[in-house]
Amino acid sequence: AMKRAESLRLAIARAGFLYADKHPVNMTAS
């Protein structure tokens, strides 16, 4: 479960996107 949590954390941290083609949105989770 701890390994899965770390995989989730990394997946979210790497899932940034560009909103309206000009605003970078980066995310993390606890």
PDB file of all heavy atoms in Angstrom:
ATOM      1  N   ALA A   1       0.827  -1.207   0.000  1.00  0.00           N
ATOM      2  CA  ALA A   1       0.000   0.000   0.000  1.00  0.00           C
ATOM      3  C   ALA A   1       0.864   1.261   0.000  1.00  0.00           C
ATOM      4  O   ALA A   1       0.538   2.247  -0.667  1.00  0.00           O
ATOM      5  CB  ALA A   1      -0.933   0.000   1.208  1.00  0.00           C
ATOM      6  N   MET A   2       1.972   1.229   0.734  1.00  0.00           N
ATOM      7  CA  MET A   2       2.875   2.381   0.739  1.00  0.00           C
ATOM      8  C   MET A   2       3.511   2.581  -0.636  1.00  0.00           C
ATOM      9  O   MET A   2       3.687   3.715  -1.092  1.00  0.00           O
ATOM     10  CB  MET A   2       3.956   2.205   1.804  1.00  0.00           C
ATOM     11  CG  MET A   2       3.478   2.515   3.213  1.00  0.00           C
ATOM     12  SD  MET A   2       2.866   4.232   3.423  1.00  0.00           S
ATOM     13  CE  MET A   2       4.368   5.186   3.135  1.00  0.00           C
ATOM     14  N   LYS A   3       3.843   1.478  -1.308  1.00  0.00           N
ATOM     15  CA  LYS A   3       4.388   1.572  -2.665  1.00  0.00           C
ATOM     16  C   LYS A   3       3.349   2.168  -3.618  1.00  0.00           C
ATOM     17  O   LYS A   3       3.674   2.993  -4.476  1.00  0.00           O
ATOM     18  CB  LYS A   3       4.821   0.191  -3.153  1.00  0.00           C
ATOM     19  CG  LYS A   3       6.039  -0.374  -2.448  1.00  0.00           C
ATOM     20  CD  LYS A   3       6.369  -1.760  -2.973  1.00  0.00           C
ATOM     21  CE  LYS A   3       7.551  -2.360  -2.223  1.00  0.00           C
ATOM     22  NZ  LYS A   3       7.855  -3.746  -2.690  1.00  0.00           N
ATOM     23  N   ARG A   4       2.092   1.734  -3.449  1.00  0.00           N
ATOM     24  CA  ARG A   4       1.038   2.260  -4.303  1.00  0.00           C
ATOM     25  C   ARG A   4       0.826   3.758  -4.041  1.00  0.00           C
ATOM     26  O   ARG A   4       0.616   4.541  -4.968  1.00  0.00           O
ATOM     27  CB  ARG A   4      -0.263   1.497  -4.052  1.00  0.00           C
ATOM     28  CG  ARG A   4      -1.326   1.750  -5.080  1.00  0.00           C
ATOM     29  CD  ARG A   4      -1.067   1.037  -6.407  1.00  0.00           C
ATOM     30  NE  ARG A   4      -1.516  -0.351  -6.322  1.00  0.00           N
ATOM     31  CZ  ARG A   4      -0.666  -1.396  -6.273  1.00  0.00           C
ATOM     32  NH1 ARG A   4       0.640  -1.203  -6.311  1.00  0.00           N
ATOM     33  NH2 ARG A   4      -1.115  -2.620  -6.214  1.00  0.00           N
ATOM     34  N   ALA A   5       0.895   4.144  -2.778  1.00  0.00           N
ATOM     35  CA  ALA A   5       0.744   5.562  -2.438  1.00  0.00           C
ATOM     36  C   ALA A   5       1.854   6.392  -3.072  1.00  0.00           C
ATOM     37  O   ALA A   5       1.604   7.490  -3.593  1.00  0.00           O
ATOM     38  CB  ALA A   5       0.753   5.735  -0.920  1.00  0.00           C
ATOM     39  N   GLU A   6       3.064   5.877  -3.050  1.00  0.00           N
ATOM     40  CA  GLU A   6       4.178   6.610  -3.653  1.00  0.00           C
ATOM     41  C   GLU A   6       4.002   6.699  -5.170  1.00  0.00           C
ATOM     42  O   GLU A   6       4.314   7.738  -5.777  1.00  0.00           O
ATOM     43  CB  GLU A   6       5.499   5.922  -3.308  1.00  0.00           C
ATOM     44  CG  GLU A   6       6.737   6.639  -3.811  1.00  0.00           C
ATOM     45  CD  GLU A   6       6.930   8.035  -3.233  1.00  0.00           C
ATOM     46  OE1 GLU A   6       6.256   8.386  -2.230  1.00  0.00           O
ATOM     47  OE2 GLU A   6       7.749   8.797  -3.790  1.00  0.00           O
ATOM     48  N   SER A   7       3.480   5.636  -5.779  1.00  0.00           N
ATOM     49  CA  SER A   7       3.204   5.671  -7.222  1.00  0.00           C
ATOM     50  C   SER A   7       2.142   6.711  -7.544  1.00  0.00           C
ATOM     51  O   SER A   7       2.243   7.429  -8.546  1.00  0.00           O
ATOM     52  CB  SER A   7       2.747   4.292  -7.706  1.00  0.00           C
ATOM     53  OG  SER A   7       3.779   3.331  -7.573  1.00  0.00           O
ATOM     54  N   LEU A   8       1.119   6.800  -6.702  1.00  0.00           N
ATOM     55  CA  LEU A   8       0.082   7.816  -6.885  1.00  0.00           C
ATOM     56  C   LEU A   8       0.662   9.217  -6.745  1.00  0.00           C
ATOM     57  O   LEU A   8       0.367  10.109  -7.542  1.00  0.00           O
ATOM     58  CB  LEU A   8      -1.036   7.607  -5.856  1.00  0.00           C
ATOM     59  CG  LEU A   8      -1.986   6.438  -6.096  1.00  0.00           C
ATOM     60  CD1 LEU A   8      -2.801   6.156  -4.830  1.00  0.00           C
ATOM     61  CD2 LEU A   8      -2.925   6.720  -7.261  1.00  0.00           C
ATOM     62  N   ARG A   9       1.492   9.397  -5.732  1.00  0.00           N
ATOM     63  CA  ARG A   9       2.095  10.716  -5.502  1.00  0.00           C
ATOM     64  C   ARG A   9       2.914  11.160  -6.708  1.00  0.00           C
ATOM     65  O   ARG A   9       2.798  12.312  -7.174  1.00  0.00           O
ATOM     66  CB  ARG A   9       2.981  10.677  -4.252  1.00  0.00           C
ATOM     67  CG  ARG A   9       3.505  12.045  -3.825  1.00  0.00           C
ATOM     68  CD  ARG A   9       4.542  11.919  -2.726  1.00  0.00           C
ATOM     69  NE  ARG A   9       5.781  11.329  -3.218  1.00  0.00           N
ATOM     70  CZ  ARG A   9       6.717  11.977  -3.906  1.00  0.00           C
ATOM     71  NH1 ARG A   9       6.563  13.269  -4.199  1.00  0.00           N
ATOM     72  NH2 ARG A   9       7.817  11.363  -4.304  1.00  0.00           N
ATOM     73  N   LEU A  10       3.726  10.260  -7.225  1.00  0.00           N
ATOM     74  CA  LEU A  10       4.575  10.589  -8.377  1.00  0.00           C
ATOM     75  C   LEU A  10       3.738  10.831  -9.634  1.00  0.00           C
ATOM     76  O   LEU A  10       4.026  11.745 -10.416  1.00  0.00           O
ATOM     77  CB  LEU A  10       5.577   9.461  -8.623  1.00  0.00           C
ATOM     78  CG  LEU A  10       6.691   9.334  -7.584  1.00  0.00           C
ATOM     79  CD1 LEU A  10       7.519   8.072  -7.841  1.00  0.00           C
ATOM     80  CD2 LEU A  10       7.582  10.563  -7.575  1.00  0.00           C
ATOM     81  N   ALA A  11       2.702  10.011  -9.818  1.00  0.00           N
ATOM     82  CA  ALA A  11       1.845  10.167 -11.000  1.00  0.00           C
ATOM     83  C   ALA A  11       1.172  11.532 -11.014  1.00  0.00           C
ATOM     84  O   ALA A  11       1.077  12.188 -12.055  1.00  0.00           O
ATOM     85  CB  ALA A  11       0.787   9.061 -11.036  1.00  0.00           C
ATOM     86  N   ILE A  12       0.715  11.981  -9.851  1.00  0.00           N
ATOM     87  CA  ILE A  12       0.053  13.286  -9.756  1.00  0.00           C
ATOM     88  C   ILE A  12       1.063  14.417  -9.972  1.00  0.00           C
ATOM     89  O   ILE A  12       0.783  15.401 -10.669  1.00  0.00           O
ATOM     90  CB  ILE A  12      -0.653  13.420  -8.397  1.00  0.00           C
ATOM     91  CG1 ILE A  12      -1.825  12.432  -8.322  1.00  0.00           C
ATOM     92  CG2 ILE A  12      -1.138  14.856  -8.164  1.00  0.00           C
ATOM     93  CD1 ILE A  12      -2.396  12.248  -6.935  1.00  0.00           C
ATOM     94  N   ALA A  13       2.257  14.263  -9.395  1.00  0.00           N
ATOM     95  CA  ALA A  13       3.281  15.292  -9.538  1.00  0.00           C
ATOM     96  C   ALA A  13       3.735  15.445 -10.992  1.00  0.00           C
ATOM     97  O   ALA A  13       4.197  16.527 -11.388  1.00  0.00           O
ATOM     98  CB  ALA A  13       4.477  14.964  -8.645  1.00  0.00           C
ATOM     99  N   ARG A  14       3.597  14.373 -11.773  1.00  0.00           N
ATOM    100  CA  ARG A  14       4.027  14.405 -13.177  1.00  0.00           C
ATOM    101  C   ARG A  14       2.887  14.739 -14.139  1.00  0.00           C
ATOM    102  O   ARG A  14       3.085  14.747 -15.351  1.00  0.00           O
ATOM    103  CB  ARG A  14       4.626  13.048 -13.550  1.00  0.00           C
ATOM    104  CG  ARG A  14       5.917  12.717 -12.807  1.00  0.00           C
ATOM    105  CD  ARG A  14       6.280  11.265 -12.981  1.00  0.00           C
ATOM    106  NE  ARG A  14       7.549  10.935 -12.309  1.00  0.00           N
ATOM    107  CZ  ARG A  14       7.954   9.695 -12.058  1.00  0.00           C
ATOM    108  NH1 ARG A  14       7.210   8.656 -12.437  1.00  0.00           N
ATOM    109  NH2 ARG A  14       9.108   9.480 -11.448  1.00  0.00           N
ATOM    110  N   ALA A  15       1.714  14.990 -13.604  1.00  0.00           N
ATOM    111  CA  ALA A  15       0.524  15.151 -14.457  1.00  0.00           C
ATOM    112  C   ALA A  15       0.179  16.603 -14.748  1.00  0.00           C
ATOM    113  O   ALA A  15      -0.978  16.928 -15.008  1.00  0.00           O
ATOM    114  CB  ALA A  15      -0.668  14.459 -13.797  1.00  0.00           C
ATOM    115  N   GLY A  16       1.154  17.486 -14.720  1.00  0.00           N
ATOM    116  CA  GLY A  16       0.886  18.884 -15.009  1.00  0.00           C
ATOM    117  C   GLY A  16       0.363  19.078 -16.430  1.00  0.00           C
ATOM    118  O   GLY A  16       0.562  18.242 -17.305  1.00  0.00           O
ATOM    119  N   PHE A  17      -0.310  20.180 -16.654  1.00  0.00           N
ATOM    120  CA  PHE A  17      -0.878  20.454 -17.982  1.00  0.00           C
ATOM    121  C   PHE A  17      -0.894  21.960 -18.239  1.00  0.00           C
ATOM    122  O   PHE A  17      -0.663  22.771 -17.331  1.00  0.00           O
ATOM    123  CB  PHE A  17      -2.288  19.876 -18.099  1.00  0.00           C
ATOM    124  CG  PHE A  17      -3.289  20.468 -17.133  1.00  0.00           C
ATOM    125  CD1 PHE A  17      -4.094  21.544 -17.499  1.00  0.00           C
ATOM    126  CD2 PHE A  17      -3.429  19.944 -15.850  1.00  0.00           C
ATOM    127  CE1 PHE A  17      -5.007  22.087 -16.620  1.00  0.00           C
ATOM    128  CE2 PHE A  17      -4.341  20.490 -14.954  1.00  0.00           C
ATOM    129  CZ  PHE A  17      -5.138  21.557 -15.339  1.00  0.00           C
ATOM    130  N   LEU A  18      -1.165  22.307 -19.475  1.00  0.00           N
ATOM    131  CA  LEU A  18      -1.251  23.707 -19.882  1.00  0.00           C
ATOM    132  C   LEU A  18      -2.723  24.062 -20.041  1.00  0.00           C
ATOM    133  O   LEU A  18      -3.427  23.480 -20.865  1.00  0.00           O
ATOM    134  CB  LEU A  18      -0.498  23.910 -21.203  1.00  0.00           C
ATOM    135  CG  LEU A  18      -0.034  25.327 -21.538  1.00  0.00           C
ATOM    136  CD1 LEU A  18       0.956  25.833 -20.481  1.00  0.00           C
ATOM    137  CD2 LEU A  18       0.604  25.355 -22.920  1.00  0.00           C
ATOM    138  N   TYR A  19      -3.183  25.019 -19.249  1.00  0.00           N
ATOM    139  CA  TYR A  19      -4.588  25.414 -19.305  1.00  0.00           C
ATOM    140  C   TYR A  19      -4.763  26.606 -20.239  1.00  0.00           C
ATOM    141  O   TYR A  19      -4.010  27.584 -20.168  1.00  0.00           O
ATOM    142  CB  TYR A  19      -5.091  25.763 -17.907  1.00  0.00           C
ATOM    143  CG  TYR A  19      -6.558  26.131 -17.867  1.00  0.00           C
ATOM    144  CD1 TYR A  19      -7.522  25.177 -18.131  1.00  0.00           C
ATOM    145  CD2 TYR A  19      -6.954  27.443 -17.583  1.00  0.00           C
ATOM    146  CE1 TYR A  19      -8.872  25.506 -18.107  1.00  0.00           C
ATOM    147  CE2 TYR A  19      -8.294  27.774 -17.547  1.00  0.00           C
ATOM    148  CZ  TYR A  19      -9.250  26.808 -17.815  1.00  0.00           C
ATOM    149  OH  TYR A  19     -10.581  27.139 -17.798  1.00  0.00           O
ATOM    150  N   ALA A  20      -5.765  26.508 -21.114  1.00  0.00           N
ATOM    151  CA  ALA A  20      -6.053  27.565 -22.093  1.00  0.00           C
ATOM    152  C   ALA A  20      -4.826  27.883 -22.944  1.00  0.00           C
ATOM    153  O   ALA A  20      -4.623  29.026 -23.363  1.00  0.00           O
ATOM    154  CB  ALA A  20      -6.561  28.815 -21.393  1.00  0.00           C
ATOM    155  N   ASP A  21      -3.995  26.851 -23.144  1.00  0.00           N
ATOM    156  CA  ASP A  21      -2.812  26.949 -24.009  1.00  0.00           C
ATOM    157  C   ASP A  21      -1.742  27.925 -23.524  1.00  0.00           C
ATOM    158  O   ASP A  21      -0.804  28.236 -24.271  1.00  0.00           O
ATOM    159  CB  ASP A  21      -3.220  27.342 -25.442  1.00  0.00           C
ATOM    160  CG  ASP A  21      -4.073  26.280 -26.109  1.00  0.00           C
ATOM    161  OD1 ASP A  21      -3.839  25.087 -25.834  1.00  0.00           O
ATOM    162  OD2 ASP A  21      -4.973  26.647 -26.879  1.00  0.00           O
ATOM    163  N   LYS A  22      -1.869  28.406 -22.296  1.00  0.00           N
ATOM    164  CA  LYS A  22      -0.855  29.372 -21.846  1.00  0.00           C
ATOM    165  C   LYS A  22      -0.563  29.354 -20.349  1.00  0.00           C
ATOM    166  O   LYS A  22       0.435  29.939 -19.915  1.00  0.00           O
ATOM    167  CB  LYS A  22      -1.266  30.787 -22.258  1.00  0.00           C
ATOM    168  CG  LYS A  22      -2.614  31.242 -21.717  1.00  0.00           C
ATOM    169  CD  LYS A  22      -2.958  32.650 -22.230  1.00  0.00           C
ATOM    170  CE  LYS A  22      -4.324  33.095 -21.750  1.00  0.00           C
ATOM    171  NZ  LYS A  22      -4.679  34.449 -22.242  1.00  0.00           N
ATOM    172  N   HIS A  23      -1.398  28.676 -19.550  1.00  0.00           N
ATOM    173  CA  HIS A  23      -1.195  28.684 -18.105  1.00  0.00           C
ATOM    174  C   HIS A  23      -0.746  27.296 -17.621  1.00  0.00           C
ATOM    175  O   HIS A  23      -1.540  26.358 -17.612  1.00  0.00           O
ATOM    176  CB  HIS A  23      -2.485  29.068 -17.378  1.00  0.00           C
ATOM    177  CG  HIS A  23      -3.030  30.403 -17.760  1.00  0.00           C
ATOM    178  ND1 HIS A  23      -2.389  31.584 -17.441  1.00  0.00           N
ATOM    179  CD2 HIS A  23      -4.152  30.753 -18.444  1.00  0.00           C
ATOM    180  CE1 HIS A  23      -3.091  32.605 -17.899  1.00  0.00           C
ATOM    181  NE2 HIS A  23      -4.167  32.127 -18.520  1.00  0.00           N
ATOM    182  N   PRO A  24       0.522  27.147 -17.235  1.00  0.00           N
ATOM    183  CA  PRO A  24       0.972  25.846 -16.719  1.00  0.00           C
ATOM    184  C   PRO A  24       0.344  25.555 -15.353  1.00  0.00           C
ATOM    185  O   PRO A  24       0.312  26.419 -14.472  1.00  0.00           O
ATOM    186  CB  PRO A  24       2.489  26.010 -16.610  1.00  0.00           C
ATOM    187  CG  PRO A  24       2.714  27.475 -16.508  1.00  0.00           C
ATOM    188  CD  PRO A  24       1.611  28.136 -17.265  1.00  0.00           C
ATOM    189  N   VAL A  25      -0.168  24.360 -15.199  1.00  0.00           N
ATOM    190  CA  VAL A  25      -0.772  23.940 -13.928  1.00  0.00           C
ATOM    191  C   VAL A  25      -0.023  22.705 -13.440  1.00  0.00           C
ATOM    192  O   VAL A  25      -0.047  21.650 -14.080  1.00  0.00           O
ATOM    193  CB  VAL A  25      -2.270  23.613 -14.087  1.00  0.00           C
ATOM    194  CG1 VAL A  25      -2.850  23.130 -12.749  1.00  0.00           C
ATOM    195  CG2 VAL A  25      -3.035  24.819 -14.591  1.00  0.00           C
ATOM    196  N   ASN A  26       0.651  22.843 -12.307  1.00  0.00           N
ATOM    197  CA  ASN A  26       1.373  21.733 -11.694  1.00  0.00           C
ATOM    198  C   ASN A  26       0.711  21.374 -10.372  1.00  0.00           C
ATOM    199  O   ASN A  26       0.240  22.255  -9.647  1.00  0.00           O
ATOM    200  CB  ASN A  26       2.841  22.110 -11.462  1.00  0.00           C
ATOM    201  CG  ASN A  26       3.563  22.391 -12.768  1.00  0.00           C
ATOM    202  OD1 ASN A  26       3.596  21.552 -13.658  1.00  0.00           O
ATOM    203  ND2 ASN A  26       4.134  23.589 -12.887  1.00  0.00           N
ATOM    204  N   MET A  27       0.691  20.096 -10.057  1.00  0.00           N
ATOM    205  CA  MET A  27      -0.053  19.629  -8.894  1.00  0.00           C
ATOM    206  C   MET A  27       0.768  18.642  -8.068  1.00  0.00           C
ATOM    207  O   MET A  27       1.586  17.907  -8.604  1.00  0.00           O
ATOM    208  CB  MET A  27      -1.344  18.945  -9.347  1.00  0.00           C
ATOM    209  CG  MET A  27      -2.251  19.834 -10.173  1.00  0.00           C
ATOM    210  SD  MET A  27      -3.472  18.890 -11.126  1.00  0.00           S
ATOM    211  CE  MET A  27      -2.417  18.018 -12.287  1.00  0.00           C
ATOM    212  N   THR A  28       0.511  18.651  -6.780  1.00  0.00           N
ATOM    213  CA  THR A  28       1.043  17.627  -5.878  1.00  0.00           C
ATOM    214  C   THR A  28      -0.089  17.186  -4.955  1.00  0.00           C
ATOM    215  O   THR A  28      -1.137  17.835  -4.894  1.00  0.00           O
ATOM    216  CB  THR A  28       2.225  18.143  -5.038  1.00  0.00           C
ATOM    217  OG1 THR A  28       1.767  19.220  -4.193  1.00  0.00           O
ATOM    218  CG2 THR A  28       3.370  18.605  -5.908  1.00  0.00           C
ATOM    219  N   ALA A  29       0.141  16.112  -4.237  1.00  0.00           N
ATOM    220  CA  ALA A  29      -0.878  15.615  -3.314  1.00  0.00           C
ATOM    221  C   ALA A  29      -0.227  15.096  -2.037  1.00  0.00           C
ATOM    222  O   ALA A  29       0.918  14.633  -2.045  1.00  0.00           O
ATOM    223  CB  ALA A  29      -1.691  14.502  -3.960  1.00  0.00           C
ATOM    224  N   SER A  30      -0.968  15.185  -0.951  1.00  0.00           N
ATOM    225  CA  SER A  30      -0.576  14.587   0.327  1.00  0.00           C
ATOM    226  C   SER A  30      -1.440  13.348   0.534  1.00  0.00           C
ATOM    227  O   SER A  30      -2.636  13.365   0.237  1.00  0.00           O
ATOM    228  CB  SER A  30      -0.781  15.578   1.468  1.00  0.00           C
ATOM    229  OG  SER A  30      -0.021  16.749   1.247  1.00  0.00           O
TER     230      SER A  30
END
